[in-house]
Protein backbone atom coordinates (compact mmCIF):
# COMPACT_ATOMS: atom_id res chain seq x y z
CA LEU A 1 14.46 5.27 -25.81
CA GLY A 2 15.93 6.00 -22.39
CA HIS A 3 19.30 7.25 -23.64
CA GLY A 4 18.85 10.83 -22.42
CA ASP A 5 18.15 12.38 -25.81
CA SER A 6 15.52 12.35 -28.55
CA THR A 7 17.67 10.80 -31.28
CA ASP A 8 16.37 7.82 -33.29
CA SER A 9 18.44 4.65 -32.90
CA PRO A 10 18.33 2.20 -35.83
CA SER A 11 20.28 -0.42 -33.87
CA PRO A 12 20.06 -1.74 -30.29
CA LYS A 13 21.87 0.35 -27.71
CA ARG A 14 22.33 -0.34 -24.00
CA VAL A 15 20.22 1.82 -21.65
CA GLU A 16 23.04 3.07 -19.43
CA ALA A 17 20.72 4.30 -16.66
CA LEU A 18 19.72 0.65 -16.07
CA SER A 19 23.26 -0.76 -16.25
CA GLY A 20 23.31 -1.48 -12.50
CA GLU A 21 20.06 -3.45 -12.68
CA VAL A 22 19.21 -6.93 -13.90
CA VAL A 23 16.16 -6.20 -16.04
CA ALA A 24 13.58 -8.99 -15.84
CA MET A 25 10.70 -7.46 -17.81
CA VAL A 26 9.82 -4.47 -19.96
CA ALA A 27 6.44 -3.10 -20.97
CA CYS A 28 5.82 -0.43 -23.58
CA GLY A 29 2.98 1.99 -24.06
CA GLU A 30 2.64 4.73 -26.65
CA GLU A 31 5.82 6.79 -26.26
CA PHE A 32 6.75 5.44 -22.81
CA THR A 33 8.44 2.35 -21.37
CA LEU A 34 8.56 0.64 -17.99
CA ALA A 35 11.23 -1.78 -16.81
CA LEU A 36 11.07 -4.21 -13.91
CA SER A 37 14.30 -5.32 -12.26
CA ALA A 38 15.00 -8.80 -10.93
CA ASN A 39 14.74 -7.38 -7.40
CA ARG A 40 11.21 -6.16 -8.32
CA ALA A 41 11.91 -2.41 -8.58
CA ALA A 42 10.07 -0.56 -11.35
CA PHE A 43 11.54 2.14 -13.60
CA ALA A 44 9.86 4.39 -16.17
CA PHE A 45 10.81 6.77 -18.96
CA GLY A 46 9.29 8.56 -21.92
CA LEU A 47 6.11 10.63 -22.26
CA ASN A 48 4.18 11.46 -19.07
CA ASN A 49 1.34 13.60 -20.43
CA VAL A 50 -1.35 11.76 -18.36
CA GLY A 51 0.78 10.48 -15.47
CA GLN A 52 1.64 7.14 -17.09
CA LEU A 53 5.15 7.29 -15.56
CA GLY A 54 3.62 7.26 -12.10
CA ILE A 55 4.52 10.87 -11.32
CA PRO A 56 2.37 14.03 -11.50
CA THR A 57 2.43 15.64 -14.93
CA LYS A 58 3.17 19.07 -13.42
CA GLU A 59 6.46 17.64 -12.07
CA CYS A 60 7.55 15.98 -15.29
CA GLU A 61 6.08 15.99 -18.81
CA THR A 62 8.81 13.77 -20.27
CA ARG A 63 11.61 11.70 -18.73
CA ALA A 64 14.53 11.01 -21.09
CA THR A 65 16.19 8.35 -18.91
CA PRO A 66 14.73 5.66 -16.64
CA GLY A 67 13.79 6.78 -13.16
CA ARG A 68 12.58 4.63 -10.30
CA LEU A 69 8.83 4.65 -9.65
CA ALA A 70 8.90 5.91 -6.07
CA ALA A 71 5.20 5.13 -5.59
CA LEU A 72 6.04 1.42 -5.94
CA ASP A 73 8.99 1.41 -3.53
CA GLY A 74 8.47 -1.25 -0.90
CA LYS A 75 6.08 -3.22 -3.09
CA SER A 76 7.30 -6.36 -4.78
CA VAL A 77 6.03 -5.88 -8.35
CA HIS A 78 5.62 -9.14 -10.24
CA LEU A 79 4.04 -7.99 -13.47
CA LEU A 80 3.68 -4.81 -15.53
CA ARG A 81 1.35 -4.24 -18.49
CA CYS A 82 0.84 -1.10 -20.57
CA THR A 83 -1.71 0.15 -23.04
CA GLN A 84 -1.53 3.40 -24.97
CA SER A 85 -1.38 5.54 -21.81
CA GLN A 86 -2.29 3.31 -18.86
CA VAL A 87 -0.24 0.97 -16.69
CA MET A 88 -1.20 -1.95 -14.46
CA ALA A 89 1.12 -3.54 -11.92
CA VAL A 90 0.48 -6.71 -9.95
CA THR A 91 2.35 -7.10 -6.67
CA ALA A 92 3.54 -10.25 -4.91
CA ASP A 93 0.69 -10.00 -2.43
CA GLY A 94 -1.90 -9.83 -5.22
CA GLN A 95 -2.61 -6.10 -5.33
CA ALA A 96 -3.59 -4.73 -8.73
CA LEU A 97 -2.46 -1.13 -9.16
CA THR A 98 -3.30 1.11 -12.13
CA TRP A 99 -2.34 4.63 -13.18
CA GLY A 100 -2.32 6.85 -16.24
CA SER A 101 -5.39 7.55 -18.37
CA PRO A 102 -8.68 5.63 -18.07
CA GLU A 103 -9.27 6.40 -21.76
CA SER A 104 -7.04 3.49 -22.79
CA ALA A 105 -8.10 0.72 -20.44
CA LEU A 106 -6.44 -2.67 -20.52
CA SER A 107 -8.17 -4.97 -22.96
CA PRO A 108 -7.50 -8.41 -24.45
CA SER A 109 -5.78 -6.82 -27.44
CA GLY A 110 -3.85 -4.41 -25.23
CA GLY A 111 -2.44 -6.83 -22.70
CA ALA A 112 -5.13 -8.25 -20.45
CA LEU A 113 -3.94 -10.27 -17.48
CA SER A 114 -4.91 -13.91 -17.16
CA SER A 115 -5.63 -15.44 -13.77
CA GLU A 116 -2.42 -17.47 -14.13
CA GLN A 117 -0.35 -14.31 -14.59
CA ILE A 118 -1.95 -12.65 -11.57
CA LYS A 119 -1.17 -15.68 -9.38
CA ALA A 120 2.50 -15.71 -10.52
């Protein structure tokens, strides 16, 4: 949940690690979450068993609080979509970037991108 622990939360609770950011979008996969700030920086937390947080699994199996996706620094991310264990980002200049596991590819039921969303 991004609170730094593994405790269930039956009610909404602020994610303190993102308190300095204006969050514009979130995307959730199976046991992981990504957040996109208004200034187009991406953050990730949760399970990273196949690299879905954008970092090598040998460096981090699980991240309990949001961390910036360093691989996307300098790119203006406009859109994030997640499936079970895969992520796709679309940048301002139209690049489509994917990472995670190819076993759970983006599909219409899992968050396919329309041409209008990609142009956004």
